[in-house]
Amino acid sequence: PGMAVAIRRCHDRDRYAWFLLVILVPLLGPVWLAIELGIRRGTKGANRFGPDQIR
């Protein structure tokens, strides 16, 4: 379930799921991924993965 949530969040940020491979970079990868997926807002409006889920 955690991977599905991370993929969904990547799509909210208009990024492909392959973006999660950044976690393989030692030390900075997990920190940067936590900031990117946990703190930053998603794209406003629709993106290539579908409509905005927050209205």
PDB file of N, CA and C in Angstrom:
ATOM      1  N   PRO A   1       0.807  -1.214   0.000  1.00  0.00           N
ATOM      2  CA  PRO A   1       0.000   0.000   0.000  1.00  0.00           C
ATOM      3  C   PRO A   1       0.847   1.274   0.000  1.00  0.00           C
ATOM      4  N   GLY A   2       1.984   1.252   0.648  1.00  0.00           N
ATOM      5  CA  GLY A   2       2.833   2.442   0.694  1.00  0.00           C
ATOM      6  C   GLY A   2       3.360   2.826  -0.674  1.00  0.00           C
ATOM      7  N   MET A   3       3.717   1.830  -1.481  1.00  0.00           N
ATOM      8  CA  MET A   3       4.215   2.109  -2.827  1.00  0.00           C
ATOM      9  C   MET A   3       3.110   2.694  -3.694  1.00  0.00           C
ATOM     10  N   ALA A   4       1.890   2.195  -3.542  1.00  0.00           N
ATOM     11  CA  ALA A   4       0.761   2.735  -4.314  1.00  0.00           C
ATOM     12  C   ALA A   4       0.506   4.195  -3.960  1.00  0.00           C
ATOM     13  N   VAL A   5       0.626   4.530  -2.693  1.00  0.00           N
ATOM     14  CA  VAL A   5       0.444   5.923  -2.261  1.00  0.00           C
ATOM     15  C   VAL A   5       1.555   6.797  -2.827  1.00  0.00           C
ATOM     16  N   ALA A   6       2.786   6.303  -2.812  1.00  0.00           N
ATOM     17  CA  ALA A   6       3.908   7.072  -3.352  1.00  0.00           C
ATOM     18  C   ALA A   6       3.749   7.300  -4.850  1.00  0.00           C
ATOM     19  N   ILE A   7       3.292   6.283  -5.577  1.00  0.00           N
ATOM     20  CA  ILE A   7       3.063   6.433  -7.016  1.00  0.00           C
ATOM     21  C   ILE A   7       1.955   7.438  -7.271  1.00  0.00           C
ATOM     22  N   ARG A   8       0.895   7.363  -6.500  1.00  0.00           N
ATOM     23  CA  ARG A   8      -0.213   8.313  -6.650  1.00  0.00           C
ATOM     24  C   ARG A   8       0.259   9.746  -6.394  1.00  0.00           C
ATOM     25  N   ARG A   9       1.101   9.905  -5.381  1.00  0.00           N
ATOM     26  CA  ARG A   9       1.632  11.237  -5.065  1.00  0.00           C
ATOM     27  C   ARG A   9       2.546  11.734  -6.177  1.00  0.00           C
ATOM     28  N   CYS A  10       3.335  10.843  -6.776  1.00  0.00           N
ATOM     29  CA  CYS A  10       4.157  11.236  -7.929  1.00  0.00           C
ATOM     30  C   CYS A  10       3.270  11.744  -9.049  1.00  0.00           C
ATOM     31  N   HIS A  11       2.183  11.068  -9.295  1.00  0.00           N
ATOM     32  CA  HIS A  11       1.267  11.504 -10.344  1.00  0.00           C
ATOM     33  C   HIS A  11       0.649  12.850 -10.002  1.00  0.00           C
ATOM     34  N   ASP A  12       0.369  13.110  -8.729  1.00  0.00           N
ATOM     35  CA  ASP A  12      -0.132  14.423  -8.316  1.00  0.00           C
ATOM     36  C   ASP A  12       0.883  15.519  -8.611  1.00  0.00           C
ATOM     37  N   ARG A  13       2.161  15.182  -8.529  1.00  0.00           N
ATOM     38  CA  ARG A  13       3.233  16.144  -8.800  1.00  0.00           C
ATOM     39  C   ARG A  13       3.601  16.175 -10.274  1.00  0.00           C
ATOM     40  N   ASP A  14       2.848  15.460 -11.121  1.00  0.00           N
ATOM     41  CA  ASP A  14       3.087  15.374 -12.567  1.00  0.00           C
ATOM     42  C   ASP A  14       4.438  14.728 -12.872  1.00  0.00           C
ATOM     43  N   ARG A  15       4.740  13.672 -12.144  1.00  0.00           N
ATOM     44  CA  ARG A  15       5.966  12.908 -12.358  1.00  0.00           C
ATOM     45  C   ARG A  15       5.598  11.440 -12.579  1.00  0.00           C
ATOM     46  N   TYR A  16       6.442  10.748 -13.326  1.00  0.00           N
ATOM     47  CA  TYR A  16       6.240   9.319 -13.538  1.00  0.00           C
ATOM     48  C   TYR A  16       6.666   8.544 -12.296  1.00  0.00           C
ATOM     49  N   ALA A  17       6.190   7.319 -12.162  1.00  0.00           N
ATOM     50  CA  ALA A  17       6.541   6.480 -11.011  1.00  0.00           C
ATOM     51  C   ALA A  17       8.036   6.152 -10.989  1.00  0.00           C
ATOM     52  N   TRP A  18       8.694   6.185 -12.141  1.00  0.00           N
ATOM     53  CA  TRP A  18      10.138   5.932 -12.194  1.00  0.00           C
ATOM     54  C   TRP A  18      10.908   6.935 -11.341  1.00  0.00           C
ATOM     55  N   PHE A  19      10.277   8.062 -11.061  1.00  0.00           N
ATOM     56  CA  PHE A  19      10.886   9.087 -10.225  1.00  0.00           C
ATOM     57  C   PHE A  19      11.231   8.538  -8.841  1.00  0.00           C
ATOM     58  N   LEU A  20      10.539   7.504  -8.401  1.00  0.00           N
ATOM     59  CA  LEU A  20      10.789   6.920  -7.080  1.00  0.00           C
ATOM     60  C   LEU A  20      12.160   6.250  -6.984  1.00  0.00           C
ATOM     61  N   LEU A  21      12.806   6.005  -8.112  1.00  0.00           N
ATOM     62  CA  LEU A  21      14.132   5.388  -8.078  1.00  0.00           C
ATOM     63  C   LEU A  21      15.178   6.301  -7.442  1.00  0.00           C
ATOM     64  N   VAL A  22      14.850   7.574  -7.262  1.00  0.00           N
ATOM     65  CA  VAL A  22      15.781   8.497  -6.609  1.00  0.00           C
ATOM     66  C   VAL A  22      16.085   8.043  -5.180  1.00  0.00           C
ATOM     67  N   ILE A  23      15.230   7.215  -4.619  1.00  0.00           N
ATOM     68  CA  ILE A  23      15.461   6.724  -3.252  1.00  0.00           C
ATOM     69  C   ILE A  23      16.708   5.836  -3.186  1.00  0.00           C
ATOM     70  N   LEU A  24      17.169   5.355  -4.321  1.00  0.00           N
ATOM     71  CA  LEU A  24      18.359   4.508  -4.347  1.00  0.00           C
ATOM     72  C   LEU A  24      19.647   5.310  -4.177  1.00  0.00           C
ATOM     73  N   VAL A  25      19.586   6.630  -4.289  1.00  0.00           N
ATOM     74  CA  VAL A  25      20.760   7.479  -4.080  1.00  0.00           C
ATOM     75  C   VAL A  25      20.997   7.574  -2.567  1.00  0.00           C
ATOM     76  N   PRO A  26      22.164   7.173  -2.101  1.00  0.00           N
ATOM     77  CA  PRO A  26      22.411   7.172  -0.654  1.00  0.00           C
ATOM     78  C   PRO A  26      22.264   8.557  -0.015  1.00  0.00           C
ATOM     79  N   LEU A  27      21.703   8.590   1.162  1.00  0.00           N
ATOM     80  CA  LEU A  27      21.529   9.754   2.024  1.00  0.00           C
ATOM     81  C   LEU A  27      20.614  10.835   1.459  1.00  0.00           C
ATOM     82  N   LEU A  28      20.977  11.465   0.369  1.00  0.00           N
ATOM     83  CA  LEU A  28      20.186  12.582  -0.141  1.00  0.00           C
ATOM     84  C   LEU A  28      18.910  12.140  -0.846  1.00  0.00           C
ATOM     85  N   GLY A  29      18.912  10.980  -1.459  1.00  0.00           N
ATOM     86  CA  GLY A  29      17.738  10.501  -2.184  1.00  0.00           C
ATOM     87  C   GLY A  29      16.490  10.408  -1.318  1.00  0.00           C
ATOM     88  N   PRO A  30      16.538   9.689  -0.203  1.00  0.00           N
ATOM     89  CA  PRO A  30      15.347   9.585   0.649  1.00  0.00           C
ATOM     90  C   PRO A  30      14.897  10.924   1.230  1.00  0.00           C
ATOM     91  N   VAL A  31      15.852  11.782   1.589  1.00  0.00           N
ATOM     92  CA  VAL A  31      15.489  13.095   2.139  1.00  0.00           C
ATOM     93  C   VAL A  31      14.793  13.933   1.079  1.00  0.00           C
ATOM     94  N   TRP A  32      15.375  13.976  -0.114  1.00  0.00           N
ATOM     95  CA  TRP A  32      14.801  14.764  -1.196  1.00  0.00           C
ATOM     96  C   TRP A  32      13.429  14.220  -1.594  1.00  0.00           C
ATOM     97  N   LEU A  33      13.290  12.898  -1.633  1.00  0.00           N
ATOM     98  CA  LEU A  33      12.007  12.295  -1.984  1.00  0.00           C
ATOM     99  C   LEU A  33      10.946  12.623  -0.937  1.00  0.00           C
ATOM    100  N   ALA A  34      11.310  12.612   0.332  1.00  0.00           N
ATOM    101  CA  ALA A  34      10.356  12.967   1.391  1.00  0.00           C
ATOM    102  C   ALA A  34       9.882  14.410   1.243  1.00  0.00           C
ATOM    103  N   ILE A  35      10.785  15.301   0.893  1.00  0.00           N
ATOM    104  CA  ILE A  35      10.399  16.704   0.685  1.00  0.00           C
ATOM    105  C   ILE A  35       9.521  16.833  -0.548  1.00  0.00           C
ATOM    106  N   GLU A  36       9.924  16.205  -1.639  1.00  0.00           N
ATOM    107  CA  GLU A  36       9.194  16.309  -2.908  1.00  0.00           C
ATOM    108  C   GLU A  36       7.782  15.746  -2.798  1.00  0.00           C
ATOM    109  N   LEU A  37       7.627  14.588  -2.175  1.00  0.00           N
ATOM    110  CA  LEU A  37       6.318  13.943  -2.125  1.00  0.00           C
ATOM    111  C   LEU A  37       5.509  14.315  -0.893  1.00  0.00           C
ATOM    112  N   GLY A  38       6.181  14.714   0.173  1.00  0.00           N
ATOM    113  CA  GLY A  38       5.465  14.969   1.410  1.00  0.00           C
ATOM    114  C   GLY A  38       5.130  16.413   1.698  1.00  0.00           C
ATOM    115  N   ILE A  39       5.914  17.336   1.167  1.00  0.00           N
ATOM    116  CA  ILE A  39       5.738  18.738   1.525  1.00  0.00           C
ATOM    117  C   ILE A  39       5.247  19.590   0.361  1.00  0.00           C
ATOM    118  N   ARG A  40       5.830  19.411  -0.803  1.00  0.00           N
ATOM    119  CA  ARG A  40       5.485  20.263  -1.946  1.00  0.00           C
ATOM    120  C   ARG A  40       4.084  19.962  -2.465  1.00  0.00           C
ATOM    121  N   ARG A  41       3.419  20.999  -2.948  1.00  0.00           N
ATOM    122  CA  ARG A  41       2.069  20.849  -3.490  1.00  0.00           C
ATOM    123  C   ARG A  41       2.115  20.192  -4.871  1.00  0.00           C
ATOM    124  N   GLY A  42       1.006  19.575  -5.246  1.00  0.00           N
ATOM    125  CA  GLY A  42       0.881  19.005  -6.577  1.00  0.00           C
ATOM    126  C   GLY A  42       0.639  20.092  -7.609  1.00  0.00           C
ATOM    127  N   THR A  43       0.594  19.698  -8.872  1.00  0.00           N
ATOM    128  CA  THR A  43       0.324  20.675  -9.922  1.00  0.00           C
ATOM    129  C   THR A  43      -1.125  21.126  -9.840  1.00  0.00           C
ATOM    130  N   LYS A  44      -1.367  22.370 -10.173  1.00  0.00           N
ATOM    131  CA  LYS A  44      -2.735  22.894 -10.160  1.00  0.00           C
ATOM    132  C   LYS A  44      -3.424  22.495 -11.456  1.00  0.00           C
ATOM    133  N   GLY A  45      -4.675  22.055 -11.352  1.00  0.00           N
ATOM    134  CA  GLY A  45      -5.431  21.652 -12.534  1.00  0.00           C
ATOM    135  C   GLY A  45      -5.044  20.254 -12.984  1.00  0.00           C
ATOM    136  N   ALA A  46      -5.537  19.896 -14.140  1.00  0.00           N
ATOM    137  CA  ALA A  46      -5.287  18.556 -14.686  1.00  0.00           C
ATOM    138  C   ALA A  46      -3.845  18.441 -15.167  1.00  0.00           C
ATOM    139  N   ASN A  47      -3.312  17.226 -15.107  1.00  0.00           N
ATOM    140  CA  ASN A  47      -2.015  16.934 -15.698  1.00  0.00           C
ATOM    141  C   ASN A  47      -2.164  15.662 -16.522  1.00  0.00           C
ATOM    142  N   ARG A  48      -1.073  15.118 -17.015  1.00  0.00           N
ATOM    143  CA  ARG A  48      -1.167  13.959 -17.917  1.00  0.00           C
ATOM    144  C   ARG A  48      -1.696  12.706 -17.230  1.00  0.00           C
ATOM    145  N   PHE A  49      -1.783  12.708 -15.892  1.00  0.00           N
ATOM    146  CA  PHE A  49      -2.279  11.553 -15.158  1.00  0.00           C
ATOM    147  C   PHE A  49      -3.737  11.686 -14.750  1.00  0.00           C
ATOM    148  N   GLY A  50      -4.366  12.811 -15.064  1.00  0.00           N
ATOM    149  CA  GLY A  50      -5.783  12.971 -14.757  1.00  0.00           C
ATOM    150  C   GLY A  50      -6.093  14.321 -14.147  1.00  0.00           C
ATOM    151  N   PRO A  51      -7.357  14.494 -13.747  1.00  0.00           N
ATOM    152  CA  PRO A  51      -7.783  15.779 -13.187  1.00  0.00           C
ATOM    153  C   PRO A  51      -7.257  15.978 -11.763  1.00  0.00           C
ATOM    154  N   ASP A  52      -7.301  17.223 -11.321  1.00  0.00           N
ATOM    155  CA  ASP A  52      -6.893  17.577  -9.964  1.00  0.00           C
ATOM    156  C   ASP A  52      -7.865  16.945  -8.974  1.00  0.00           C
ATOM    157  N   GLN A  53      -7.341  16.218  -7.976  1.00  0.00           N
ATOM    158  CA  GLN A  53      -8.190  15.537  -6.999  1.00  0.00           C
ATOM    159  C   GLN A  53      -8.636  16.455  -5.870  1.00  0.00           C
ATOM    160  N   ILE A  54      -7.904  17.552  -5.660  1.00  0.00           N
ATOM    161  CA  ILE A  54      -8.262  18.514  -4.616  1.00  0.00           C
ATOM    162  C   ILE A  54      -8.913  19.704  -5.289  1.00  0.00           C
ATOM    163  N   ARG A  55     -10.134  19.997  -4.894  1.00  0.00           N
ATOM    164  CA  ARG A  55     -10.843  21.111  -5.541  1.00  0.00           C
ATOM    165  C   ARG A  55     -11.103  22.202  -4.581  1.00  0.00           C
TER     166      ARG A  55
END
